[in-house]
Amino acid sequence: MSESCKFKCYIWELPVRWSHWINVLSIFTLAVTGFFIGTPVSFGSSASDFTMGWIRFIHFTAGYTFAVSVLSRMIWSLIGNKYSGWKEFFPFTTSAGREKMIKMLRYYMFVDKQVPESIGHNPVATTAYFALFFLYILMILTGFSLYAEHAPAGVMHKALSPMYSIFSNQGMRLAHHSSMWLIFGFIINHIYSAWLMDIKEHGSEISSMFSGYKFTIKKEK
């Protein structure tokens, strides 16, 4: 299909783009500070050295920011356009969605050479995003549960009491730490897939997360 047959469509609304980039910055900050929290360091010899205190403060601030961003994205899935809607994360529930998933999987497995066009996210990607949001929620709950342990009688500790029944302290730390590595694996695949789709579809896959616009073969009504 020639470039002249492509249409410019507004796909990703501003809240979706903001949430995406806030998540990127938050995850990077949380990962770096989290490694230091797991392996504490000191950059001074005096008793007043507050290095780890600042690192923990930055980590907790990024954690709150991340939690608000994820919650905002979940809310927007209920009120945003159809490309950001919650139904997009369950493509396997409809016959059309399952058909698109099969076509996309055939392309990923090198059975088909022509990539199926997806105006929004492709159905395989949205299924992966659903799993990613599960990891996000697990990270948020385990992170705040660990944080709340400093005040066992506090409101946050009481609100998260089911987490202490499910996990031991070390189990919670393991789940929190392991989830971060799984998110890293997703990020590597996400960057590669976005780059691949940008090259194959010529639809501005990467730049659309800055501008909101993609170029599609099908004209949206």
N, C-alpha and C. Protein backbone atom coordinates (compact mmCIF):
# COMPACT_ATOMS: atom_id res chain seq x y z
N MET A 1 0.86 -1.20 0.00
CA MET A 1 0.00 0.00 0.00
C MET A 1 0.89 1.24 0.00
N SER A 2 0.61 2.16 -0.89
CA SER A 2 1.43 3.35 -1.00
C SER A 2 1.17 4.29 0.17
N GLU A 3 2.15 5.18 0.43
CA GLU A 3 2.02 6.13 1.53
C GLU A 3 0.85 7.08 1.31
N SER A 4 0.48 7.35 0.02
CA SER A 4 -0.60 8.29 -0.26
C SER A 4 -1.95 7.76 0.18
N CYS A 5 -2.05 6.46 0.45
CA CYS A 5 -3.31 5.85 0.86
C CYS A 5 -3.46 5.81 2.38
N LYS A 6 -2.55 6.42 3.09
CA LYS A 6 -2.60 6.37 4.54
C LYS A 6 -3.34 7.59 5.10
N PHE A 7 -3.99 7.37 6.24
CA PHE A 7 -4.78 8.41 6.89
C PHE A 7 -4.21 8.71 8.27
N LYS A 8 -4.23 9.98 8.64
CA LYS A 8 -3.72 10.39 9.95
C LYS A 8 -4.86 10.32 10.95
N CYS A 9 -4.67 9.53 12.01
CA CYS A 9 -5.72 9.35 13.01
C CYS A 9 -5.20 9.65 14.41
N TYR A 10 -6.03 10.32 15.20
CA TYR A 10 -5.66 10.62 16.59
C TYR A 10 -6.02 9.41 17.44
N ILE A 11 -5.00 8.70 17.89
CA ILE A 11 -5.20 7.43 18.59
C ILE A 11 -5.00 7.57 20.10
N TRP A 12 -3.83 8.06 20.49
CA TRP A 12 -3.48 8.09 21.92
C TRP A 12 -3.76 9.47 22.51
N GLU A 13 -4.76 9.54 23.35
CA GLU A 13 -5.13 10.80 23.99
C GLU A 13 -4.07 11.20 25.01
N LEU A 14 -4.08 12.47 25.39
CA LEU A 14 -3.05 13.02 26.27
C LEU A 14 -2.89 12.25 27.58
N PRO A 15 -3.97 11.88 28.29
CA PRO A 15 -3.80 11.12 29.54
C PRO A 15 -3.07 9.79 29.34
N VAL A 16 -3.29 9.15 28.20
CA VAL A 16 -2.61 7.89 27.91
C VAL A 16 -1.11 8.12 27.73
N ARG A 17 -0.78 9.18 27.00
CA ARG A 17 0.63 9.48 26.75
C ARG A 17 1.34 9.91 28.03
N TRP A 18 0.66 10.75 28.82
CA TRP A 18 1.25 11.19 30.08
C TRP A 18 1.50 10.00 31.01
N SER A 19 0.53 9.12 31.11
CA SER A 19 0.66 7.94 31.96
C SER A 19 1.84 7.08 31.49
N HIS A 20 1.96 6.92 30.19
CA HIS A 20 3.06 6.11 29.64
C HIS A 20 4.42 6.65 30.06
N TRP A 21 4.63 7.95 29.88
CA TRP A 21 5.95 8.52 30.15
C TRP A 21 6.20 8.71 31.65
N ILE A 22 5.16 8.95 32.42
CA ILE A 22 5.32 9.00 33.88
C ILE A 22 5.71 7.62 34.40
N ASN A 23 5.10 6.58 33.82
CA ASN A 23 5.47 5.21 34.20
C ASN A 23 6.93 4.92 33.87
N VAL A 24 7.36 5.37 32.70
CA VAL A 24 8.76 5.14 32.30
C VAL A 24 9.72 5.77 33.31
N LEU A 25 9.50 7.04 33.63
CA LEU A 25 10.37 7.75 34.57
C LEU A 25 10.28 7.15 35.97
N SER A 26 9.08 6.79 36.39
CA SER A 26 8.89 6.23 37.72
C SER A 26 9.58 4.88 37.85
N ILE A 27 9.41 4.02 36.85
CA ILE A 27 10.02 2.69 36.89
C ILE A 27 11.54 2.80 36.92
N PHE A 28 12.10 3.70 36.11
CA PHE A 28 13.55 3.88 36.10
C PHE A 28 14.03 4.34 37.47
N THR A 29 13.34 5.33 38.05
CA THR A 29 13.72 5.85 39.36
C THR A 29 13.58 4.79 40.44
N LEU A 30 12.48 4.06 40.40
CA LEU A 30 12.24 3.02 41.40
C LEU A 30 13.27 1.90 41.30
N ALA A 31 13.65 1.55 40.08
CA ALA A 31 14.63 0.48 39.90
C ALA A 31 16.00 0.87 40.45
N VAL A 32 16.46 2.07 40.10
CA VAL A 32 17.78 2.53 40.55
C VAL A 32 17.82 2.65 42.07
N THR A 33 16.83 3.34 42.64
CA THR A 33 16.81 3.52 44.09
C THR A 33 16.54 2.20 44.81
N GLY A 34 15.75 1.33 44.17
CA GLY A 34 15.46 0.03 44.77
C GLY A 34 16.70 -0.84 44.92
N PHE A 35 17.60 -0.77 43.93
CA PHE A 35 18.84 -1.53 44.03
C PHE A 35 19.69 -1.04 45.20
N PHE A 36 19.71 0.27 45.41
CA PHE A 36 20.46 0.83 46.53
C PHE A 36 19.83 0.45 47.87
N ILE A 37 18.49 0.42 47.90
CA ILE A 37 17.81 0.03 49.14
C ILE A 37 18.10 -1.43 49.46
N GLY A 38 18.15 -2.27 48.42
CA GLY A 38 18.47 -3.68 48.62
C GLY A 38 19.91 -3.91 49.04
N THR A 39 20.80 -3.03 48.58
CA THR A 39 22.22 -3.10 48.93
C THR A 39 22.65 -1.72 49.39
N PRO A 40 22.39 -1.37 50.64
CA PRO A 40 22.66 -0.01 51.15
C PRO A 40 24.12 0.39 51.00
N VAL A 41 24.32 1.67 50.72
CA VAL A 41 25.67 2.22 50.59
C VAL A 41 25.76 3.50 51.41
N SER A 42 26.97 3.93 51.68
CA SER A 42 27.19 5.19 52.38
C SER A 42 28.27 5.96 51.64
N PHE A 43 28.00 7.24 51.38
CA PHE A 43 28.97 8.07 50.68
C PHE A 43 29.71 9.00 51.64
N GLY A 44 29.54 8.76 52.93
CA GLY A 44 30.22 9.58 53.92
C GLY A 44 30.55 8.75 55.14
N SER A 45 31.39 9.28 55.98
CA SER A 45 31.81 8.54 57.16
C SER A 45 31.21 9.10 58.44
N SER A 46 30.53 10.22 58.36
CA SER A 46 29.99 10.85 59.57
C SER A 46 28.67 10.21 59.96
N ALA A 47 28.33 10.35 61.22
CA ALA A 47 27.09 9.79 61.72
C ALA A 47 25.86 10.49 61.14
N SER A 48 26.08 11.69 60.60
CA SER A 48 24.97 12.47 60.05
C SER A 48 24.70 12.17 58.57
N ASP A 49 25.44 11.23 58.00
CA ASP A 49 25.25 10.88 56.58
C ASP A 49 23.82 10.38 56.37
N PHE A 50 23.09 11.05 55.47
CA PHE A 50 21.68 10.73 55.25
C PHE A 50 21.44 10.23 53.82
N THR A 51 22.49 9.63 53.23
CA THR A 51 22.39 9.19 51.83
C THR A 51 21.23 8.24 51.62
N MET A 52 21.17 7.19 52.43
CA MET A 52 20.11 6.20 52.25
C MET A 52 18.74 6.79 52.57
N GLY A 53 18.71 7.76 53.47
CA GLY A 53 17.43 8.43 53.76
C GLY A 53 16.88 9.13 52.54
N TRP A 54 17.75 9.82 51.80
CA TRP A 54 17.32 10.51 50.58
C TRP A 54 16.93 9.51 49.50
N ILE A 55 17.68 8.42 49.42
CA ILE A 55 17.36 7.39 48.41
C ILE A 55 15.99 6.79 48.70
N ARG A 56 15.73 6.49 49.95
CA ARG A 56 14.42 5.95 50.32
C ARG A 56 13.31 6.97 50.07
N PHE A 57 13.58 8.25 50.35
CA PHE A 57 12.59 9.30 50.10
C PHE A 57 12.25 9.38 48.61
N ILE A 58 13.28 9.35 47.76
CA ILE A 58 13.06 9.40 46.31
C ILE A 58 12.28 8.17 45.86
N HIS A 59 12.62 7.01 46.42
CA HIS A 59 11.95 5.76 46.07
C HIS A 59 10.46 5.83 46.43
N PHE A 60 10.16 6.29 47.63
CA PHE A 60 8.77 6.36 48.06
C PHE A 60 7.99 7.40 47.25
N THR A 61 8.64 8.52 46.94
CA THR A 61 7.97 9.56 46.13
C THR A 61 7.65 9.02 44.74
N ALA A 62 8.61 8.32 44.13
CA ALA A 62 8.38 7.71 42.81
C ALA A 62 7.30 6.64 42.90
N GLY A 63 7.25 5.93 44.04
CA GLY A 63 6.23 4.91 44.23
C GLY A 63 4.83 5.49 44.25
N TYR A 64 4.66 6.59 44.98
CA TYR A 64 3.35 7.26 45.02
C TYR A 64 2.99 7.78 43.63
N THR A 65 3.96 8.37 42.93
CA THR A 65 3.71 8.89 41.58
C THR A 65 3.29 7.77 40.64
N PHE A 66 3.98 6.65 40.73
CA PHE A 66 3.68 5.49 39.89
C PHE A 66 2.28 4.96 40.18
N ALA A 67 1.93 4.87 41.45
CA ALA A 67 0.61 4.36 41.84
C ALA A 67 -0.50 5.27 41.30
N VAL A 68 -0.32 6.57 41.41
CA VAL A 68 -1.32 7.52 40.90
C VAL A 68 -1.43 7.41 39.39
N SER A 69 -0.30 7.25 38.71
CA SER A 69 -0.29 7.14 37.25
C SER A 69 -1.03 5.88 36.79
N VAL A 70 -0.75 4.76 37.45
CA VAL A 70 -1.41 3.49 37.09
C VAL A 70 -2.91 3.59 37.35
N LEU A 71 -3.28 4.14 38.50
CA LEU A 71 -4.71 4.31 38.82
C LEU A 71 -5.40 5.22 37.81
N SER A 72 -4.72 6.29 37.41
CA SER A 72 -5.28 7.23 36.43
C SER A 72 -5.51 6.54 35.09
N ARG A 73 -4.55 5.68 34.70
CA ARG A 73 -4.69 4.96 33.42
C ARG A 73 -5.85 3.98 33.48
N MET A 74 -6.05 3.35 34.63
CA MET A 74 -7.16 2.41 34.78
C MET A 74 -8.50 3.16 34.70
N ILE A 75 -8.56 4.33 35.31
CA ILE A 75 -9.78 5.13 35.24
C ILE A 75 -10.04 5.59 33.81
N TRP A 76 -8.96 5.99 33.12
CA TRP A 76 -9.12 6.46 31.74
C TRP A 76 -9.58 5.33 30.81
N SER A 77 -9.29 4.10 31.17
CA SER A 77 -9.76 2.98 30.35
C SER A 77 -11.28 2.86 30.38
N LEU A 78 -11.92 3.56 31.33
CA LEU A 78 -13.38 3.55 31.44
C LEU A 78 -14.02 4.75 30.76
N ILE A 79 -13.25 5.82 30.57
CA ILE A 79 -13.85 7.06 30.04
C ILE A 79 -13.15 7.58 28.78
N GLY A 80 -12.03 6.98 28.40
CA GLY A 80 -11.29 7.44 27.23
C GLY A 80 -11.85 6.91 25.92
N ASN A 81 -11.12 7.13 24.84
CA ASN A 81 -11.58 6.64 23.54
C ASN A 81 -11.44 5.11 23.44
N LYS A 82 -11.91 4.55 22.35
CA LYS A 82 -11.98 3.09 22.25
C LYS A 82 -10.60 2.44 22.21
N TYR A 83 -9.58 3.16 21.79
CA TYR A 83 -8.24 2.59 21.71
C TYR A 83 -7.61 2.40 23.08
N SER A 84 -8.04 3.19 24.05
CA SER A 84 -7.52 3.08 25.41
C SER A 84 -8.49 2.37 26.35
N GLY A 85 -9.64 1.94 25.83
CA GLY A 85 -10.68 1.32 26.65
C GLY A 85 -10.28 -0.04 27.20
N TRP A 86 -10.91 -0.42 28.30
CA TRP A 86 -10.57 -1.68 28.97
C TRP A 86 -10.86 -2.89 28.09
N LYS A 87 -11.82 -2.79 27.18
CA LYS A 87 -12.14 -3.92 26.31
C LYS A 87 -10.97 -4.29 25.40
N GLU A 88 -10.12 -3.31 25.11
CA GLU A 88 -8.97 -3.57 24.26
C GLU A 88 -7.99 -4.57 24.90
N PHE A 89 -8.03 -4.68 26.22
CA PHE A 89 -7.11 -5.56 26.93
C PHE A 89 -7.62 -7.01 27.00
N PHE A 90 -8.80 -7.25 26.44
CA PHE A 90 -9.36 -8.60 26.43
C PHE A 90 -9.81 -8.97 25.02
N PRO A 91 -8.89 -8.96 24.05
CA PRO A 91 -9.27 -9.23 22.66
C PRO A 91 -9.75 -10.67 22.43
N PHE A 92 -9.32 -11.58 23.32
CA PHE A 92 -9.67 -12.99 23.15
C PHE A 92 -11.12 -13.29 23.51
N THR A 93 -11.87 -12.30 23.97
CA THR A 93 -13.27 -12.52 24.36
C THR A 93 -14.23 -12.42 23.18
N THR A 94 -13.74 -11.95 22.03
CA THR A 94 -14.60 -11.85 20.83
C THR A 94 -13.98 -12.65 19.69
N SER A 95 -14.83 -13.07 18.77
CA SER A 95 -14.34 -13.86 17.63
C SER A 95 -13.41 -13.03 16.76
N ALA A 96 -13.76 -11.73 16.56
CA ALA A 96 -12.90 -10.85 15.75
C ALA A 96 -11.54 -10.66 16.42
N GLY A 97 -11.56 -10.51 17.74
CA GLY A 97 -10.31 -10.34 18.47
C GLY A 97 -9.44 -11.57 18.41
N ARG A 98 -10.05 -12.75 18.53
CA ARG A 98 -9.29 -14.00 18.45
C ARG A 98 -8.70 -14.19 17.06
N GLU A 99 -9.47 -13.80 16.04
CA GLU A 99 -8.97 -13.91 14.67
C GLU A 99 -7.75 -13.01 14.45
N LYS A 100 -7.82 -11.79 15.00
CA LYS A 100 -6.69 -10.87 14.89
C LYS A 100 -5.48 -11.39 15.66
N MET A 101 -5.74 -12.00 16.82
CA MET A 101 -4.64 -12.56 17.61
C MET A 101 -3.92 -13.66 16.86
N ILE A 102 -4.68 -14.52 16.21
CA ILE A 102 -4.09 -15.62 15.45
C ILE A 102 -3.23 -15.08 14.30
N LYS A 103 -3.76 -14.06 13.61
CA LYS A 103 -3.00 -13.47 12.50
C LYS A 103 -1.70 -12.84 13.00
N MET A 104 -1.79 -12.17 14.17
CA MET A 104 -0.60 -11.52 14.72
C MET A 104 0.41 -12.55 15.20
N LEU A 105 -0.06 -13.62 15.80
CA LEU A 105 0.83 -14.68 16.26
C LEU A 105 1.51 -15.37 15.07
N ARG A 106 0.77 -15.54 13.99
CA ARG A 106 1.36 -16.15 12.79
C ARG A 106 2.49 -15.28 12.25
N TYR A 107 2.31 -13.96 12.36
CA TYR A 107 3.38 -13.06 11.91
C TYR A 107 4.58 -13.14 12.85
N TYR A 108 4.32 -13.12 14.15
CA TYR A 108 5.42 -13.18 15.13
C TYR A 108 6.20 -14.49 15.03
N MET A 109 5.51 -15.57 14.62
CA MET A 109 6.16 -16.88 14.51
C MET A 109 6.72 -17.14 13.11
N PHE A 110 6.75 -16.08 12.27
CA PHE A 110 7.34 -16.12 10.93
C PHE A 110 6.58 -17.04 9.97
N VAL A 111 5.30 -17.32 10.28
CA VAL A 111 4.48 -18.11 9.36
C VAL A 111 3.99 -17.23 8.23
N ASP A 112 3.53 -16.01 8.58
CA ASP A 112 3.10 -15.02 7.58
C ASP A 112 4.15 -13.92 7.48
N LYS A 113 4.35 -13.39 6.30
CA LYS A 113 5.33 -12.33 6.10
C LYS A 113 4.71 -10.94 6.18
N GLN A 114 3.40 -10.84 5.95
CA GLN A 114 2.71 -9.55 5.97
C GLN A 114 2.17 -9.29 7.36
N VAL A 115 2.56 -8.18 7.96
CA VAL A 115 2.08 -7.85 9.30
C VAL A 115 0.65 -7.32 9.23
N PRO A 116 -0.28 -7.85 10.04
CA PRO A 116 -1.66 -7.33 10.04
C PRO A 116 -1.67 -5.93 10.65
N GLU A 117 -2.38 -4.99 10.02
CA GLU A 117 -2.42 -3.64 10.55
C GLU A 117 -3.33 -3.56 11.76
N SER A 118 -2.86 -2.87 12.79
CA SER A 118 -3.67 -2.60 13.98
C SER A 118 -3.68 -1.09 14.19
N ILE A 119 -4.85 -0.50 14.21
CA ILE A 119 -4.93 0.95 14.35
C ILE A 119 -4.49 1.37 15.75
N GLY A 120 -4.96 0.66 16.76
CA GLY A 120 -4.49 0.90 18.12
C GLY A 120 -3.40 -0.10 18.46
N HIS A 121 -3.49 -0.70 19.65
CA HIS A 121 -2.57 -1.78 19.99
C HIS A 121 -3.00 -3.05 19.27
N ASN A 122 -2.04 -3.88 18.88
CA ASN A 122 -2.42 -5.16 18.31
C ASN A 122 -2.85 -6.08 19.45
N PRO A 123 -3.70 -7.08 19.17
CA PRO A 123 -4.31 -7.90 20.22
C PRO A 123 -3.31 -8.70 21.06
N VAL A 124 -2.18 -9.09 20.49
CA VAL A 124 -1.17 -9.80 21.27
C VAL A 124 -0.53 -8.85 22.28
N ALA A 125 -0.29 -7.61 21.84
CA ALA A 125 0.31 -6.61 22.72
C ALA A 125 -0.61 -6.28 23.89
N THR A 126 -1.91 -6.12 23.63
CA THR A 126 -2.83 -5.76 24.71
C THR A 126 -2.95 -6.88 25.74
N THR A 127 -2.84 -8.12 25.29
CA THR A 127 -2.85 -9.24 26.23
C THR A 127 -1.63 -9.18 27.13
N ALA A 128 -0.48 -8.82 26.54
CA ALA A 128 0.74 -8.66 27.33
C ALA A 128 0.61 -7.48 28.29
N TYR A 129 -0.06 -6.41 27.86
CA TYR A 129 -0.24 -5.24 28.72
C TYR A 129 -1.12 -5.59 29.93
N PHE A 130 -2.10 -6.46 29.72
CA PHE A 130 -2.93 -6.90 30.84
C PHE A 130 -2.08 -7.59 31.90
N ALA A 131 -1.16 -8.46 31.45
CA ALA A 131 -0.25 -9.13 32.38
C ALA A 131 0.67 -8.11 33.05
N LEU A 132 1.09 -7.10 32.27
CA LEU A 132 1.96 -6.06 32.82
C LEU A 132 1.26 -5.28 33.92
N PHE A 133 -0.02 -4.95 33.72
CA PHE A 133 -0.75 -4.21 34.74
C PHE A 133 -0.93 -5.06 36.00
N PHE A 134 -1.03 -6.36 35.84
CA PHE A 134 -1.07 -7.25 37.00
C PHE A 134 0.23 -7.12 37.79
N LEU A 135 1.36 -7.08 37.09
CA LEU A 135 2.65 -6.88 37.75
C LEU A 135 2.73 -5.51 38.41
N TYR A 136 2.20 -4.50 37.72
CA TYR A 136 2.18 -3.15 38.31
C TYR A 136 1.44 -3.17 39.65
N ILE A 137 0.26 -3.78 39.66
CA ILE A 137 -0.54 -3.81 40.88
C ILE A 137 0.17 -4.59 41.98
N LEU A 138 0.80 -5.71 41.60
CA LEU A 138 1.56 -6.50 42.57
C LEU A 138 2.71 -5.68 43.15
N MET A 139 3.41 -4.95 42.28
CA MET A 139 4.52 -4.11 42.74
C MET A 139 4.02 -3.03 43.70
N ILE A 140 2.92 -2.40 43.36
CA ILE A 140 2.38 -1.32 44.19
C ILE A 140 1.94 -1.85 45.55
N LEU A 141 1.21 -2.96 45.56
CA LEU A 141 0.70 -3.52 46.82
C LEU A 141 1.82 -4.02 47.71
N THR A 142 2.79 -4.74 47.13
CA THR A 142 3.90 -5.24 47.95
C THR A 142 4.77 -4.09 48.42
N GLY A 143 4.97 -3.08 47.55
CA GLY A 143 5.79 -1.93 47.93
C GLY A 143 5.20 -1.15 49.09
N PHE A 144 3.91 -0.84 49.01
CA PHE A 144 3.25 -0.10 50.09
C PHE A 144 3.12 -0.95 51.36
N SER A 145 2.97 -2.27 51.18
CA SER A 145 2.90 -3.15 52.34
C SER A 145 4.22 -3.16 53.10
N LEU A 146 5.33 -3.20 52.36
CA LEU A 146 6.64 -3.14 53.01
C LEU A 146 6.85 -1.79 53.68
N TYR A 147 6.41 -0.74 53.00
CA TYR A 147 6.54 0.61 53.55
C TYR A 147 5.72 0.76 54.83
N ALA A 148 4.52 0.17 54.85
CA ALA A 148 3.60 0.33 55.98
C ALA A 148 4.06 -0.40 57.23
N GLU A 149 5.06 -1.27 57.09
CA GLU A 149 5.53 -2.03 58.25
C GLU A 149 6.18 -1.15 59.32
N HIS A 150 6.53 0.09 58.94
CA HIS A 150 7.13 0.99 59.93
C HIS A 150 6.10 1.50 60.92
N ALA A 151 4.80 1.33 60.58
CA ALA A 151 3.73 1.79 61.48
C ALA A 151 2.64 0.72 61.52
N PRO A 152 2.85 -0.34 62.29
CA PRO A 152 1.90 -1.48 62.33
C PRO A 152 0.48 -1.10 62.74
N ALA A 153 0.33 0.02 63.43
CA ALA A 153 -1.01 0.44 63.86
C ALA A 153 -1.61 1.49 62.92
N GLY A 154 -0.89 1.78 61.82
CA GLY A 154 -1.32 2.83 60.91
C GLY A 154 -2.46 2.41 59.99
N VAL A 155 -3.04 3.42 59.33
CA VAL A 155 -4.16 3.18 58.42
C VAL A 155 -3.73 2.33 57.22
N MET A 156 -2.56 2.63 56.66
CA MET A 156 -2.09 1.89 55.49
C MET A 156 -1.85 0.43 55.84
N HIS A 157 -1.26 0.18 57.00
CA HIS A 157 -0.97 -1.20 57.41
C HIS A 157 -2.27 -1.99 57.57
N LYS A 158 -3.28 -1.36 58.17
CA LYS A 158 -4.57 -2.03 58.36
C LYS A 158 -5.27 -2.27 57.03
N ALA A 159 -5.18 -1.28 56.11
CA ALA A 159 -5.83 -1.42 54.81
C ALA A 159 -5.21 -2.54 53.98
N LEU A 160 -3.92 -2.77 54.19
CA LEU A 160 -3.20 -3.80 53.42
C LEU A 160 -3.04 -5.10 54.20
N SER A 161 -3.82 -5.28 55.25
CA SER A 161 -3.70 -6.47 56.09
C SER A 161 -3.80 -7.79 55.33
N PRO A 162 -4.63 -7.90 54.26
CA PRO A 162 -4.65 -9.17 53.51
C PRO A 162 -3.29 -9.54 52.91
N MET A 163 -2.49 -8.54 52.58
CA MET A 163 -1.17 -8.82 52.00
C MET A 163 -0.27 -9.54 53.00
N TYR A 164 -0.40 -9.22 54.28
CA TYR A 164 0.44 -9.86 55.30
C TYR A 164 -0.02 -11.29 55.58
N SER A 165 -1.25 -11.60 55.18
CA SER A 165 -1.73 -12.97 55.30
C SER A 165 -1.26 -13.83 54.14
N ILE A 166 -1.10 -13.19 52.98
CA ILE A 166 -0.68 -13.92 51.78
C ILE A 166 0.83 -14.11 51.75
N PHE A 167 1.58 -13.07 52.13
CA PHE A 167 3.04 -13.11 52.04
C PHE A 167 3.69 -13.00 53.42
N SER A 168 4.81 -13.70 53.57
CA SER A 168 5.70 -13.41 54.69
C SER A 168 6.49 -12.16 54.31
N ASN A 169 7.24 -11.60 55.24
CA ASN A 169 8.03 -10.41 54.94
C ASN A 169 9.01 -10.69 53.80
N GLN A 170 9.73 -11.81 53.89
CA GLN A 170 10.70 -12.14 52.84
C GLN A 170 10.01 -12.52 51.54
N GLY A 171 8.86 -13.18 51.65
CA GLY A 171 8.11 -13.51 50.44
C GLY A 171 7.64 -12.27 49.71
N MET A 172 7.25 -11.26 50.48
CA MET A 172 6.82 -10.00 49.89
C MET A 172 7.98 -9.29 49.20
N ARG A 173 9.14 -9.32 49.84
CA ARG A 173 10.34 -8.72 49.23
C ARG A 173 10.73 -9.46 47.95
N LEU A 174 10.61 -10.79 47.97
CA LEU A 174 10.95 -11.58 46.79
C LEU A 174 9.99 -11.28 45.64
N ALA A 175 8.70 -11.19 45.95
CA ALA A 175 7.70 -10.88 44.91
C ALA A 175 7.94 -9.49 44.34
N HIS A 176 8.26 -8.53 45.20
CA HIS A 176 8.53 -7.16 44.78
C HIS A 176 9.75 -7.10 43.88
N HIS A 177 10.81 -7.78 44.28
CA HIS A 177 12.07 -7.76 43.53
C HIS A 177 11.93 -8.53 42.20
N SER A 178 11.29 -9.71 42.26
CA SER A 178 11.15 -10.53 41.05
C SER A 178 10.28 -9.85 40.00
N SER A 179 9.24 -9.15 40.47
CA SER A 179 8.36 -8.46 39.53
C SER A 179 9.11 -7.39 38.74
N MET A 180 10.08 -6.76 39.39
CA MET A 180 10.87 -5.74 38.70
C MET A 180 11.65 -6.34 37.54
N TRP A 181 12.20 -7.54 37.74
CA TRP A 181 12.94 -8.19 36.65
C TRP A 181 12.00 -8.61 35.52
N LEU A 182 10.80 -9.03 35.86
CA LEU A 182 9.82 -9.37 34.82
C LEU A 182 9.42 -8.13 34.03
N ILE A 183 9.30 -7.01 34.71
CA ILE A 183 8.99 -5.75 34.02
C ILE A 183 10.14 -5.35 33.11
N PHE A 184 11.38 -5.56 33.55
CA PHE A 184 12.54 -5.30 32.69
C PHE A 184 12.46 -6.12 31.41
N GLY A 185 12.08 -7.40 31.56
CA GLY A 185 11.94 -8.26 30.38
C GLY A 185 10.89 -7.74 29.44
N PHE A 186 9.78 -7.27 29.98
CA PHE A 186 8.73 -6.70 29.14
C PHE A 186 9.23 -5.46 28.41
N ILE A 187 9.96 -4.60 29.12
CA ILE A 187 10.45 -3.34 28.53
C ILE A 187 11.33 -3.63 27.31
N ILE A 188 12.22 -4.62 27.43
CA ILE A 188 13.10 -4.98 26.30
C ILE A 188 12.27 -5.42 25.11
N ASN A 189 11.28 -6.28 25.36
CA ASN A 189 10.42 -6.75 24.28
C ASN A 189 9.57 -5.62 23.72
N HIS A 190 9.10 -4.74 24.59
CA HIS A 190 8.24 -3.62 24.18
C HIS A 190 8.97 -2.67 23.23
N ILE A 191 10.20 -2.34 23.57
CA ILE A 191 10.99 -1.44 22.72
C ILE A 191 11.24 -2.08 21.36
N TYR A 192 11.62 -3.36 21.38
CA TYR A 192 11.88 -4.07 20.12
C TYR A 192 10.61 -4.14 19.26
N SER A 193 9.47 -4.50 19.89
CA SER A 193 8.22 -4.65 19.13
C SER A 193 7.75 -3.33 18.55
N ALA A 194 7.87 -2.25 19.34
CA ALA A 194 7.45 -0.93 18.86
C ALA A 194 8.31 -0.51 17.67
N TRP A 195 9.60 -0.76 17.75
CA TRP A 195 10.51 -0.44 16.66
C TRP A 195 10.18 -1.28 15.43
N LEU A 196 9.92 -2.58 15.65
CA LEU A 196 9.59 -3.47 14.54
C LEU A 196 8.32 -3.02 13.84
N MET A 197 7.27 -2.73 14.62
CA MET A 197 5.99 -2.32 14.02
C MET A 197 6.11 -0.98 13.30
N ASP A 198 6.96 -0.10 13.84
CA ASP A 198 7.17 1.20 13.19
C ASP A 198 7.79 1.00 11.81
N ILE A 199 8.73 0.07 11.74
CA ILE A 199 9.41 -0.20 10.46
C ILE A 199 8.47 -0.90 9.48
N LYS A 200 7.72 -1.88 9.97
CA LYS A 200 6.90 -2.71 9.10
C LYS A 200 5.61 -2.01 8.67
N GLU A 201 4.97 -1.28 9.58
CA GLU A 201 3.69 -0.66 9.26
C GLU A 201 3.84 0.76 8.72
N HIS A 202 4.98 1.41 8.99
CA HIS A 202 5.18 2.81 8.61
C HIS A 202 4.05 3.69 9.13
N GLY A 203 3.62 3.39 10.37
CA GLY A 203 2.48 4.12 10.92
C GLY A 203 2.82 5.04 12.06
N SER A 204 4.13 5.34 12.22
CA SER A 204 4.58 6.23 13.30
C SER A 204 4.27 5.65 14.67
N GLU A 205 4.55 4.38 14.85
CA GLU A 205 4.27 3.69 16.11
C GLU A 205 4.95 4.36 17.30
N ILE A 206 6.22 4.69 17.14
CA ILE A 206 6.98 5.28 18.25
C ILE A 206 6.61 6.75 18.46
N SER A 207 6.58 7.52 17.39
CA SER A 207 6.29 8.95 17.53
C SER A 207 4.86 9.21 17.98
N SER A 208 3.97 8.23 17.78
CA SER A 208 2.58 8.41 18.19
C SER A 208 2.45 8.54 19.71
N MET A 209 3.42 8.01 20.46
CA MET A 209 3.36 8.14 21.91
C MET A 209 3.81 9.53 22.36
N PHE A 210 4.29 10.33 21.42
CA PHE A 210 4.60 11.74 21.69
C PHE A 210 3.48 12.64 21.15
N SER A 211 3.03 12.35 19.93
CA SER A 211 2.05 13.22 19.27
C SER A 211 0.61 12.76 19.45
N GLY A 212 0.42 11.44 19.61
CA GLY A 212 -0.93 10.89 19.70
C GLY A 212 -1.46 10.40 18.37
N TYR A 213 -0.76 10.74 17.28
CA TYR A 213 -1.26 10.42 15.94
C TYR A 213 -0.51 9.24 15.32
N LYS A 214 -1.30 8.38 14.62
CA LYS A 214 -0.74 7.30 13.83
C LYS A 214 -1.27 7.40 12.41
N PHE A 215 -0.54 6.79 11.48
CA PHE A 215 -0.98 6.75 10.09
C PHE A 215 -1.49 5.35 9.80
N THR A 216 -2.71 5.26 9.28
CA THR A 216 -3.34 3.97 9.05
C THR A 216 -3.83 3.85 7.61
N ILE A 217 -3.98 2.60 7.19
CA ILE A 217 -4.51 2.34 5.84
C ILE A 217 -6.02 2.56 5.83
N LYS A 218 -6.65 2.14 6.94
CA LYS A 218 -8.10 2.28 7.04
C LYS A 218 -8.46 3.66 7.59
N LYS A 219 -9.42 4.30 6.97
CA LYS A 219 -9.89 5.59 7.45
C LYS A 219 -10.93 5.40 8.52
N GLU A 220 -10.71 6.01 9.68
CA GLU A 220 -11.64 5.87 10.78
C GLU A 220 -12.88 6.73 10.56
N LYS A 221 -14.02 6.23 10.94
CA LYS A 221 -15.29 6.97 10.78
C LYS A 221 -15.54 7.83 12.01
